Protein backbone atom coordinates (compact mmCIF):
# COMPACT_ATOMS: atom_id res chain seq x y z
CA UNK A 1 0.00 0.00 0.00
CA UNK A 2 1.33 3.44 -0.89
CA UNK A 3 1.59 6.07 1.80
CA UNK A 4 2.50 9.70 2.14
CA UNK A 5 6.29 9.78 1.92
CA UNK A 6 7.13 13.13 3.52
CA UNK A 7 5.79 16.58 4.32
CA UNK A 8 5.19 17.57 0.74
CA UNK A 9 5.86 14.20 -0.93
CA UNK A 10 3.47 11.40 -1.76
CA UNK A 11 2.95 8.73 -4.36
CA UNK A 12 1.13 9.71 -7.55
CA UNK A 13 -1.89 7.51 -6.82
CA UNK A 14 -2.79 9.84 -3.90
CA UNK A 15 -2.91 13.02 -6.02
CA UNK A 16 -6.35 14.46 -6.71
CA UNK A 17 -7.61 15.32 -10.20
CA UNK A 18 -6.71 18.86 -11.21
CA UNK A 19 -3.46 18.92 -9.20
CA UNK A 20 0.00 19.36 -10.67
CA UNK A 21 3.03 17.62 -9.21
CA UNK A 22 6.75 17.25 -9.85
CA UNK A 23 8.32 13.80 -10.05
CA UNK A 24 10.89 13.31 -7.29
CA UNK A 25 11.89 9.74 -8.12
CA UNK A 26 10.64 6.38 -9.38
CA UNK A 27 10.73 3.38 -7.08
CA UNK A 28 12.32 0.23 -8.44
CA UNK A 29 9.82 -1.78 -10.48
CA UNK A 30 9.60 -3.63 -13.80
CA UNK A 31 7.79 -0.56 -15.17
CA UNK A 32 10.54 1.94 -14.26
CA UNK A 33 12.42 1.82 -17.59
CA UNK A 34 9.19 2.08 -19.57
CA UNK A 35 8.07 5.15 -17.61
CA UNK A 36 11.48 6.76 -18.03
CA UNK A 37 11.38 6.17 -21.80
CA UNK A 38 8.04 8.04 -21.88
CA UNK A 39 9.61 11.02 -20.12
CA UNK A 40 8.51 10.32 -16.54
CA UNK A 41 11.81 11.19 -14.85
CA UNK A 42 12.87 13.28 -11.86
CA UNK A 43 11.83 16.90 -12.31
CA UNK A 44 9.03 16.20 -14.80
CA UNK A 45 5.76 18.03 -14.14
CA UNK A 46 2.63 15.85 -14.24
CA UNK A 47 -0.97 17.04 -14.11
CA UNK A 48 -3.59 14.58 -12.91
CA UNK A 49 -6.56 15.05 -15.24
CA UNK A 50 -9.17 12.54 -14.07
CA UNK A 51 -9.96 9.05 -12.85
CA UNK A 52 -12.20 6.44 -14.41
CA UNK A 53 -15.65 6.05 -12.79
CA UNK A 54 -14.44 3.26 -10.50
CA UNK A 55 -11.17 5.09 -9.78
CA UNK A 56 -8.82 3.07 -11.96
CA UNK A 57 -7.09 3.92 -14.26
CA UNK A 58 -6.20 7.57 -13.78
CA UNK A 59 -5.47 9.96 -16.64
CA UNK A 60 -2.38 12.15 -16.42
CA UNK A 61 -0.73 14.73 -18.66
CA UNK A 62 3.02 14.43 -18.98
CA UNK A 63 5.20 16.33 -21.48
CA UNK A 64 2.21 17.48 -23.58
CA UNK A 65 0.54 14.09 -23.97
CA UNK A 66 -2.13 12.25 -22.03
CA UNK A 67 -1.47 8.87 -20.51
CA UNK A 68 -3.77 6.40 -18.73
CA UNK A 69 -2.07 4.76 -15.77
CA UNK A 70 -3.17 2.10 -13.31
CA UNK A 71 -3.13 3.28 -9.70
CA UNK A 72 -0.96 0.28 -8.83
CA UNK A 73 1.70 1.63 -11.21
CA UNK A 74 1.23 5.20 -9.94
CA UNK A 75 2.21 3.92 -6.46
CA UNK A 76 5.78 3.63 -7.74
CA UNK A 77 6.09 7.34 -8.60
CA UNK A 78 7.01 9.65 -5.71
CA UNK A 79 5.99 13.25 -6.36
CA UNK A 80 5.81 16.63 -4.63
CA UNK A 81 2.87 19.00 -4.94
CA UNK A 82 3.39 22.18 -6.91
CA UNK A 83 1.92 25.40 -5.53
CA UNK A 84 -1.41 26.34 -7.06
CA UNK A 85 -1.51 29.57 -9.04
PDB file of N, CA and C in Angstrom:
ATOM      1  N   UNK A   1       0.842  -1.176   0.000  1.00  0.00           N
ATOM      2  CA  UNK A   1       0.000   0.000   0.000  1.00  0.00           C
ATOM      3  C   UNK A   1       0.886   1.238   0.000  1.00  0.00           C
ATOM      4  N   UNK A   2       0.560   2.202  -0.823  1.00  0.00           N
ATOM      5  CA  UNK A   2       1.332   3.440  -0.888  1.00  0.00           C
ATOM      6  C   UNK A   2       0.909   4.375   0.229  1.00  0.00           C
ATOM      7  N   UNK A   3       1.858   5.126   0.717  1.00  0.00           N
ATOM      8  CA  UNK A   3       1.585   6.066   1.797  1.00  0.00           C
ATOM      9  C   UNK A   3       2.217   7.406   1.475  1.00  0.00           C
ATOM     10  N   UNK A   4       1.848   8.405   2.270  1.00  0.00           N
ATOM     11  CA  UNK A   4       2.495   9.700   2.140  1.00  0.00           C
ATOM     12  C   UNK A   4       3.945   9.518   2.541  1.00  0.00           C
ATOM     13  N   UNK A   5       4.872  10.028   1.734  1.00  0.00           N
ATOM     14  CA  UNK A   5       6.293   9.779   1.921  1.00  0.00           C
ATOM     15  C   UNK A   5       6.953  10.819   2.810  1.00  0.00           C
ATOM     16  N   UNK A   6       6.531  12.054   2.731  1.00  0.00           N
ATOM     17  CA  UNK A   6       7.126  13.126   3.519  1.00  0.00           C
ATOM     18  C   UNK A   6       6.170  14.291   3.602  1.00  0.00           C
ATOM     19  N   UNK A   7       6.654  15.411   4.142  1.00  0.00           N
ATOM     20  CA  UNK A   7       5.788  16.577   4.320  1.00  0.00           C
ATOM     21  C   UNK A   7       5.065  16.968   3.043  1.00  0.00           C
ATOM     22  N   UNK A   8       5.790  17.111   1.991  1.00  0.00           N
ATOM     23  CA  UNK A   8       5.192  17.566   0.740  1.00  0.00           C
ATOM     24  C   UNK A   8       5.307  16.492  -0.342  1.00  0.00           C
ATOM     25  N   UNK A   9       5.669  15.275   0.052  1.00  0.00           N
ATOM     26  CA  UNK A   9       5.865  14.201  -0.927  1.00  0.00           C
ATOM     27  C   UNK A   9       4.857  13.087  -0.701  1.00  0.00           C
ATOM     28  N   UNK A  10       4.418  12.505  -1.812  1.00  0.00           N
ATOM     29  CA  UNK A  10       3.473  11.399  -1.761  1.00  0.00           C
ATOM     30  C   UNK A  10       3.614  10.601  -3.045  1.00  0.00           C
ATOM     31  N   UNK A  11       2.938   9.486  -3.113  1.00  0.00           N
ATOM     32  CA  UNK A  11       2.948   8.729  -4.357  1.00  0.00           C
ATOM     33  C   UNK A  11       1.836   9.261  -5.269  1.00  0.00           C
ATOM     34  N   UNK A  12       2.034   9.120  -6.562  1.00  0.00           N
ATOM     35  CA  UNK A  12       1.131   9.709  -7.554  1.00  0.00           C
ATOM     36  C   UNK A  12      -0.310   9.235  -7.397  1.00  0.00           C
ATOM     37  N   UNK A  13      -0.523   8.020  -6.945  1.00  0.00           N
ATOM     38  CA  UNK A  13      -1.888   7.511  -6.817  1.00  0.00           C
ATOM     39  C   UNK A  13      -2.709   8.261  -5.769  1.00  0.00           C
ATOM     40  N   UNK A  14      -2.076   9.061  -4.918  1.00  0.00           N
ATOM     41  CA  UNK A  14      -2.787   9.844  -3.902  1.00  0.00           C
ATOM     42  C   UNK A  14      -3.121  11.262  -4.359  1.00  0.00           C
ATOM     43  N   UNK A  15      -2.697  11.647  -5.540  1.00  0.00           N
ATOM     44  CA  UNK A  15      -2.905  13.018  -6.021  1.00  0.00           C
ATOM     45  C   UNK A  15      -4.308  13.151  -6.608  1.00  0.00           C
ATOM     46  N   UNK A  16      -4.983  14.226  -6.250  1.00  0.00           N
ATOM     47  CA  UNK A  16      -6.350  14.458  -6.715  1.00  0.00           C
ATOM     48  C   UNK A  16      -6.358  15.038  -8.133  1.00  0.00           C
ATOM     49  N   UNK A  17      -7.435  14.768  -8.846  1.00  0.00           N
ATOM     50  CA  UNK A  17      -7.609  15.315 -10.198  1.00  0.00           C
ATOM     51  C   UNK A  17      -7.544  16.839 -10.148  1.00  0.00           C
ATOM     52  N   UNK A  18      -6.863  17.422 -11.131  1.00  0.00           N
ATOM     53  CA  UNK A  18      -6.706  18.863 -11.209  1.00  0.00           C
ATOM     54  C   UNK A  18      -5.417  19.369 -10.592  1.00  0.00           C
ATOM     55  N   UNK A  19      -4.706  18.516  -9.855  1.00  0.00           N
ATOM     56  CA  UNK A  19      -3.460  18.919  -9.202  1.00  0.00           C
ATOM     57  C   UNK A  19      -2.263  18.676 -10.106  1.00  0.00           C
ATOM     58  N   UNK A  20      -1.261  19.534  -9.953  1.00  0.00           N
ATOM     59  CA  UNK A  20       0.003  19.356 -10.672  1.00  0.00           C
ATOM     60  C   UNK A  20       1.088  19.001  -9.673  1.00  0.00           C
ATOM     61  N   UNK A  21       1.967  18.101 -10.086  1.00  0.00           N
ATOM     62  CA  UNK A  21       3.033  17.618  -9.212  1.00  0.00           C
ATOM     63  C   UNK A  21       4.343  17.541  -9.987  1.00  0.00           C
ATOM     64  N   UNK A  22       5.428  17.442  -9.249  1.00  0.00           N
ATOM     65  CA  UNK A  22       6.749  17.254  -9.852  1.00  0.00           C
ATOM     66  C   UNK A  22       7.258  15.886  -9.420  1.00  0.00           C
ATOM     67  N   UNK A  23       7.774  15.120 -10.358  1.00  0.00           N
ATOM     68  CA  UNK A  23       8.317  13.796 -10.047  1.00  0.00           C
ATOM     69  C   UNK A  23       9.609  13.966  -9.253  1.00  0.00           C
ATOM     70  N   UNK A  24       9.674  13.313  -8.104  1.00  0.00           N
ATOM     71  CA  UNK A  24      10.888  13.309  -7.288  1.00  0.00           C
ATOM     72  C   UNK A  24      11.767  12.118  -7.673  1.00  0.00           C
ATOM     73  N   UNK A  25      11.163  10.936  -7.684  1.00  0.00           N
ATOM     74  CA  UNK A  25      11.892   9.739  -8.117  1.00  0.00           C
ATOM     75  C   UNK A  25      10.917   8.607  -8.392  1.00  0.00           C
ATOM     76  N   UNK A  26      11.404   7.593  -9.087  1.00  0.00           N
ATOM     77  CA  UNK A  26      10.635   6.383  -9.376  1.00  0.00           C
ATOM     78  C   UNK A  26      11.187   5.257  -8.523  1.00  0.00           C
ATOM     79  N   UNK A  27      10.299   4.543  -7.842  1.00  0.00           N
ATOM     80  CA  UNK A  27      10.731   3.380  -7.077  1.00  0.00           C
ATOM     81  C   UNK A  27      11.067   2.249  -8.047  1.00  0.00           C
ATOM     82  N   UNK A  28      11.925   1.363  -7.604  1.00  0.00           N
ATOM     83  CA  UNK A  28      12.316   0.226  -8.442  1.00  0.00           C
ATOM     84  C   UNK A  28      11.091  -0.631  -8.765  1.00  0.00           C
ATOM     85  N   UNK A  29      10.909  -0.916 -10.035  1.00  0.00           N
ATOM     86  CA  UNK A  29       9.820  -1.781 -10.479  1.00  0.00           C
ATOM     87  C   UNK A  29      10.098  -2.181 -11.925  1.00  0.00           C
ATOM     88  N   UNK A  30       9.428  -3.231 -12.402  1.00  0.00           N
ATOM     89  CA  UNK A  30       9.604  -3.625 -13.800  1.00  0.00           C
ATOM     90  C   UNK A  30       9.160  -2.526 -14.771  1.00  0.00           C
ATOM     91  N   UNK A  31       8.320  -1.616 -14.325  1.00  0.00           N
ATOM     92  CA  UNK A  31       7.791  -0.558 -15.169  1.00  0.00           C
ATOM     93  C   UNK A  31       8.701   0.666 -15.234  1.00  0.00           C
ATOM     94  N   UNK A  32       9.708   0.739 -14.385  1.00  0.00           N
ATOM     95  CA  UNK A  32      10.539   1.943 -14.263  1.00  0.00           C
ATOM     96  C   UNK A  32      11.154   2.374 -15.594  1.00  0.00           C
ATOM     97  N   UNK A  33      11.786   1.467 -16.310  1.00  0.00           N
ATOM     98  CA  UNK A  33      12.420   1.821 -17.589  1.00  0.00           C
ATOM     99  C   UNK A  33      11.397   2.311 -18.603  1.00  0.00           C
ATOM    100  N   UNK A  34      10.251   1.676 -18.630  1.00  0.00           N
ATOM    101  CA  UNK A  34       9.192   2.076 -19.571  1.00  0.00           C
ATOM    102  C   UNK A  34       8.725   3.498 -19.269  1.00  0.00           C
ATOM    103  N   UNK A  35       8.491   3.799 -17.993  1.00  0.00           N
ATOM    104  CA  UNK A  35       8.070   5.149 -17.611  1.00  0.00           C
ATOM    105  C   UNK A  35       9.136   6.173 -17.971  1.00  0.00           C
ATOM    106  N   UNK A  36      10.390   5.837 -17.715  1.00  0.00           N
ATOM    107  CA  UNK A  36      11.480   6.756 -18.025  1.00  0.00           C
ATOM    108  C   UNK A  36      11.562   7.012 -19.533  1.00  0.00           C
ATOM    109  N   UNK A  37      11.326   5.986 -20.341  1.00  0.00           N
ATOM    110  CA  UNK A  37      11.378   6.166 -21.797  1.00  0.00           C
ATOM    111  C   UNK A  37      10.242   7.055 -22.304  1.00  0.00           C
ATOM    112  N   UNK A  38       9.161   7.163 -21.516  1.00  0.00           N
ATOM    113  CA  UNK A  38       8.044   8.040 -21.875  1.00  0.00           C
ATOM    114  C   UNK A  38       8.212   9.436 -21.284  1.00  0.00           C
ATOM    115  N   UNK A  39       9.340   9.685 -20.634  1.00  0.00           N
ATOM    116  CA  UNK A  39       9.605  11.019 -20.116  1.00  0.00           C
ATOM    117  C   UNK A  39       9.244  11.233 -18.668  1.00  0.00           C
ATOM    118  N   UNK A  40       8.819  10.190 -17.969  1.00  0.00           N
ATOM    119  CA  UNK A  40       8.508  10.320 -16.544  1.00  0.00           C
ATOM    120  C   UNK A  40       9.809  10.106 -15.773  1.00  0.00           C
ATOM    121  N   UNK A  41      10.523  11.213 -15.557  1.00  0.00           N
ATOM    122  CA  UNK A  41      11.811  11.189 -14.855  1.00  0.00           C
ATOM    123  C   UNK A  41      11.795  12.277 -13.785  1.00  0.00           C
ATOM    124  N   UNK A  42      12.783  12.266 -12.914  1.00  0.00           N
ATOM    125  CA  UNK A  42      12.871  13.279 -11.857  1.00  0.00           C
ATOM    126  C   UNK A  42      12.801  14.677 -12.457  1.00  0.00           C
ATOM    127  N   UNK A  43      11.974  15.522 -11.855  1.00  0.00           N
ATOM    128  CA  UNK A  43      11.827  16.899 -12.308  1.00  0.00           C
ATOM    129  C   UNK A  43      10.691  17.129 -13.286  1.00  0.00           C
ATOM    130  N   UNK A  44      10.134  16.069 -13.851  1.00  0.00           N
ATOM    131  CA  UNK A  44       9.032  16.196 -14.804  1.00  0.00           C
ATOM    132  C   UNK A  44       7.764  16.653 -14.083  1.00  0.00           C
ATOM    133  N   UNK A  45       7.038  17.580 -14.691  1.00  0.00           N
ATOM    134  CA  UNK A  45       5.759  18.033 -14.143  1.00  0.00           C
ATOM    135  C   UNK A  45       4.647  17.168 -14.726  1.00  0.00           C
ATOM    136  N   UNK A  46       3.777  16.678 -13.849  1.00  0.00           N
ATOM    137  CA  UNK A  46       2.632  15.853 -14.236  1.00  0.00           C
ATOM    138  C   UNK A  46       1.374  16.529 -13.721  1.00  0.00           C
ATOM    139  N   UNK A  47       0.342  16.569 -14.560  1.00  0.00           N
ATOM    140  CA  UNK A  47      -0.967  17.045 -14.105  1.00  0.00           C
ATOM    141  C   UNK A  47      -1.920  15.864 -14.117  1.00  0.00           C
ATOM    142  N   UNK A  48      -2.594  15.645 -12.995  1.00  0.00           N
ATOM    143  CA  UNK A  48      -3.591  14.581 -12.912  1.00  0.00           C
ATOM    144  C   UNK A  48      -4.891  15.144 -13.472  1.00  0.00           C
ATOM    145  N   UNK A  49      -5.382  14.535 -14.549  1.00  0.00           N
ATOM    146  CA  UNK A  49      -6.563  15.049 -15.240  1.00  0.00           C
ATOM    147  C   UNK A  49      -7.864  14.480 -14.687  1.00  0.00           C
ATOM    148  N   UNK A  50      -7.923  13.161 -14.518  1.00  0.00           N
ATOM    149  CA  UNK A  50      -9.168  12.537 -14.068  1.00  0.00           C
ATOM    150  C   UNK A  50      -8.914  11.092 -13.673  1.00  0.00           C
ATOM    151  N   UNK A  51      -9.972  10.480 -13.143  1.00  0.00           N
ATOM    152  CA  UNK A  51      -9.956   9.049 -12.848  1.00  0.00           C
ATOM    153  C   UNK A  51     -11.173   8.424 -13.504  1.00  0.00           C
ATOM    154  N   UNK A  52     -11.063   7.164 -13.857  1.00  0.00           N
ATOM    155  CA  UNK A  52     -12.198   6.441 -14.414  1.00  0.00           C
ATOM    156  C   UNK A  52     -13.298   6.358 -13.348  1.00  0.00           C
ATOM    157  N   UNK A  53     -14.532   6.077 -13.747  1.00  0.00           N
ATOM    158  CA  UNK A  53     -15.646   6.053 -12.789  1.00  0.00           C
ATOM    159  C   UNK A  53     -15.406   5.195 -11.544  1.00  0.00           C
ATOM    160  N   UNK A  54     -14.722   4.094 -11.671  1.00  0.00           N
ATOM    161  CA  UNK A  54     -14.440   3.257 -10.499  1.00  0.00           C
ATOM    162  C   UNK A  54     -13.070   3.563  -9.898  1.00  0.00           C
ATOM    163  N   UNK A  55     -12.425   4.638 -10.362  1.00  0.00           N
ATOM    164  CA  UNK A  55     -11.168   5.091  -9.775  1.00  0.00           C
ATOM    165  C   UNK A  55      -9.904   4.585 -10.440  1.00  0.00           C
ATOM    166  N   UNK A  56     -10.015   3.639 -11.344  1.00  0.00           N
ATOM    167  CA  UNK A  56      -8.824   3.074 -11.964  1.00  0.00           C
ATOM    168  C   UNK A  56      -9.125   2.774 -13.427  1.00  0.00           C
ATOM    169  N   UNK A  57      -8.363   3.212 -14.383  1.00  0.00           N
ATOM    170  CA  UNK A  57      -7.090   3.922 -14.258  1.00  0.00           C
ATOM    171  C   UNK A  57      -7.302   5.424 -14.056  1.00  0.00           C
ATOM    172  N   UNK A  58      -6.172   6.113 -13.864  1.00  0.00           N
ATOM    173  CA  UNK A  58      -6.199   7.568 -13.775  1.00  0.00           C
ATOM    174  C   UNK A  58      -5.585   8.125 -15.054  1.00  0.00           C
ATOM    175  N   UNK A  59      -6.012   9.322 -15.433  1.00  0.00           N
ATOM    176  CA  UNK A  59      -5.470   9.960 -16.636  1.00  0.00           C
ATOM    177  C   UNK A  59      -4.562  11.101 -16.203  1.00  0.00           C
ATOM    178  N   UNK A  60      -3.343  11.107 -16.752  1.00  0.00           N
ATOM    179  CA  UNK A  60      -2.382  12.155 -16.421  1.00  0.00           C
ATOM    180  C   UNK A  60      -1.885  12.817 -17.701  1.00  0.00           C
ATOM    181  N   UNK A  61      -1.369  14.023 -17.552  1.00  0.00           N
ATOM    182  CA  UNK A  61      -0.734  14.725 -18.662  1.00  0.00           C
ATOM    183  C   UNK A  61       0.733  14.869 -18.315  1.00  0.00           C
ATOM    184  N   UNK A  62       1.583  14.358 -19.192  1.00  0.00           N
ATOM    185  CA  UNK A  62       3.024  14.435 -18.984  1.00  0.00           C
ATOM    186  C   UNK A  62       3.681  14.818 -20.303  1.00  0.00           C
ATOM    187  N   UNK A  63       4.486  15.859 -20.281  1.00  0.00           N
ATOM    188  CA  UNK A  63       5.202  16.326 -21.478  1.00  0.00           C
ATOM    189  C   UNK A  63       4.292  16.480 -22.697  1.00  0.00           C
ATOM    190  N   UNK A  64       3.160  17.129 -22.511  1.00  0.00           N
ATOM    191  CA  UNK A  64       2.214  17.478 -23.584  1.00  0.00           C
ATOM    192  C   UNK A  64       1.441  16.298 -24.172  1.00  0.00           C
ATOM    193  N   UNK A  65       1.413  15.166 -23.502  1.00  0.00           N
ATOM    194  CA  UNK A  65       0.541  14.091 -23.974  1.00  0.00           C
ATOM    195  C   UNK A  65      -0.177  13.464 -22.792  1.00  0.00           C
ATOM    196  N   UNK A  66      -1.338  12.883 -23.079  1.00  0.00           N
ATOM    197  CA  UNK A  66      -2.133  12.252 -22.032  1.00  0.00           C
ATOM    198  C   UNK A  66      -1.815  10.769 -21.965  1.00  0.00           C
ATOM    199  N   UNK A  67      -1.839  10.252 -20.750  1.00  0.00           N
ATOM    200  CA  UNK A  67      -1.471   8.868 -20.505  1.00  0.00           C
ATOM    201  C   UNK A  67      -2.423   8.291 -19.471  1.00  0.00           C
ATOM    202  N   UNK A  68      -2.961   7.106 -19.718  1.00  0.00           N
ATOM    203  CA  UNK A  68      -3.774   6.399 -18.729  1.00  0.00           C
ATOM    204  C   UNK A  68      -2.840   5.482 -17.947  1.00  0.00           C
ATOM    205  N   UNK A  69      -2.968   5.525 -16.623  1.00  0.00           N
ATOM    206  CA  UNK A  69      -2.067   4.757 -15.770  1.00  0.00           C
ATOM    207  C   UNK A  69      -2.849   4.071 -14.650  1.00  0.00           C
ATOM    208  N   UNK A  70      -2.543   2.805 -14.426  1.00  0.00           N
ATOM    209  CA  UNK A  70      -3.165   2.096 -13.308  1.00  0.00           C
ATOM    210  C   UNK A  70      -2.666   2.684 -11.994  1.00  0.00           C
ATOM    211  N   UNK A  71      -3.527   2.746 -11.004  1.00  0.00           N
ATOM    212  CA  UNK A  71      -3.132   3.277  -9.695  1.00  0.00           C
ATOM    213  C   UNK A  71      -2.016   2.432  -9.074  1.00  0.00           C
ATOM    214  N   UNK A  72      -2.020   1.143  -9.349  1.00  0.00           N
ATOM    215  CA  UNK A  72      -0.958   0.276  -8.833  1.00  0.00           C
ATOM    216  C   UNK A  72       0.400   0.718  -9.371  1.00  0.00           C
ATOM    217  N   UNK A  73       0.457   1.137 -10.624  1.00  0.00           N
ATOM    218  CA  UNK A  73       1.703   1.632 -11.212  1.00  0.00           C
ATOM    219  C   UNK A  73       2.044   3.024 -10.685  1.00  0.00           C
ATOM    220  N   UNK A  74       1.016   3.842 -10.454  1.00  0.00           N
ATOM    221  CA  UNK A  74       1.230   5.199  -9.937  1.00  0.00           C
ATOM    222  C   UNK A  74       1.808   5.176  -8.520  1.00  0.00           C
ATOM    223  N   UNK A  75       1.631   4.067  -7.802  1.00  0.00           N
ATOM    224  CA  UNK A  75       2.212   3.919  -6.456  1.00  0.00           C
ATOM    225  C   UNK A  75       3.734   3.960  -6.487  1.00  0.00           C
ATOM    226  N   UNK A  76       4.321   3.697  -7.621  1.00  0.00           N
ATOM    227  CA  UNK A  76       5.783   3.629  -7.744  1.00  0.00           C
ATOM    228  C   UNK A  76       6.415   4.974  -8.087  1.00  0.00           C
ATOM    229  N   UNK A  77       5.591   6.014  -8.238  1.00  0.00           N
ATOM    230  CA  UNK A  77       6.094   7.341  -8.601  1.00  0.00           C
ATOM    231  C   UNK A  77       5.927   8.274  -7.409  1.00  0.00           C
ATOM    232  N   UNK A  78       7.046   8.725  -6.843  1.00  0.00           N
ATOM    233  CA  UNK A  78       7.014   9.652  -5.706  1.00  0.00           C
ATOM    234  C   UNK A  78       7.082  11.071  -6.259  1.00  0.00           C
ATOM    235  N   UNK A  79       6.127  11.898  -5.824  1.00  0.00           N
ATOM    236  CA  UNK A  79       5.987  13.253  -6.356  1.00  0.00           C
ATOM    237  C   UNK A  79       5.885  14.268  -5.222  1.00  0.00           C
ATOM    238  N   UNK A  80       6.072  15.537  -5.574  1.00  0.00           N
ATOM    239  CA  UNK A  80       5.812  16.628  -4.632  1.00  0.00           C
ATOM    240  C   UNK A  80       4.799  17.562  -5.272  1.00  0.00           C
ATOM    241  N   UNK A  81       3.897  18.083  -4.450  1.00  0.00           N
ATOM    242  CA  UNK A  81       2.869  18.996  -4.943  1.00  0.00           C
ATOM    243  C   UNK A  81       3.485  20.311  -5.373  1.00  0.00           C
ATOM    244  N   UNK A  82       2.978  20.855  -6.458  1.00  0.00           N
ATOM    245  CA  UNK A  82       3.390  22.182  -6.907  1.00  0.00           C
ATOM    246  C   UNK A  82       2.393  23.192  -6.355  1.00  0.00           C
ATOM    247  N   UNK A  83       2.859  24.385  -6.029  1.00  0.00           N
ATOM    248  CA  UNK A  83       1.924  25.402  -5.526  1.00  0.00           C
ATOM    249  C   UNK A  83       0.871  25.729  -6.578  1.00  0.00           C
ATOM    250  N   UNK A  84      -0.347  25.967  -6.132  1.00  0.00           N
ATOM    251  CA  UNK A  84      -1.406  26.342  -7.064  1.00  0.00           C
ATOM    252  C   UNK A  84      -1.297  27.822  -7.380  1.00  0.00           C
ATOM    253  N   UNK A  85      -1.644  28.164  -8.602  1.00  0.00           N
ATOM    254  CA  UNK A  85      -1.508  29.567  -9.039  1.00  0.00           C
ATOM    255  C   UNK A  85      -2.687  30.397  -8.609  1.00  0.00           C
TER     256      UNK A  85
END
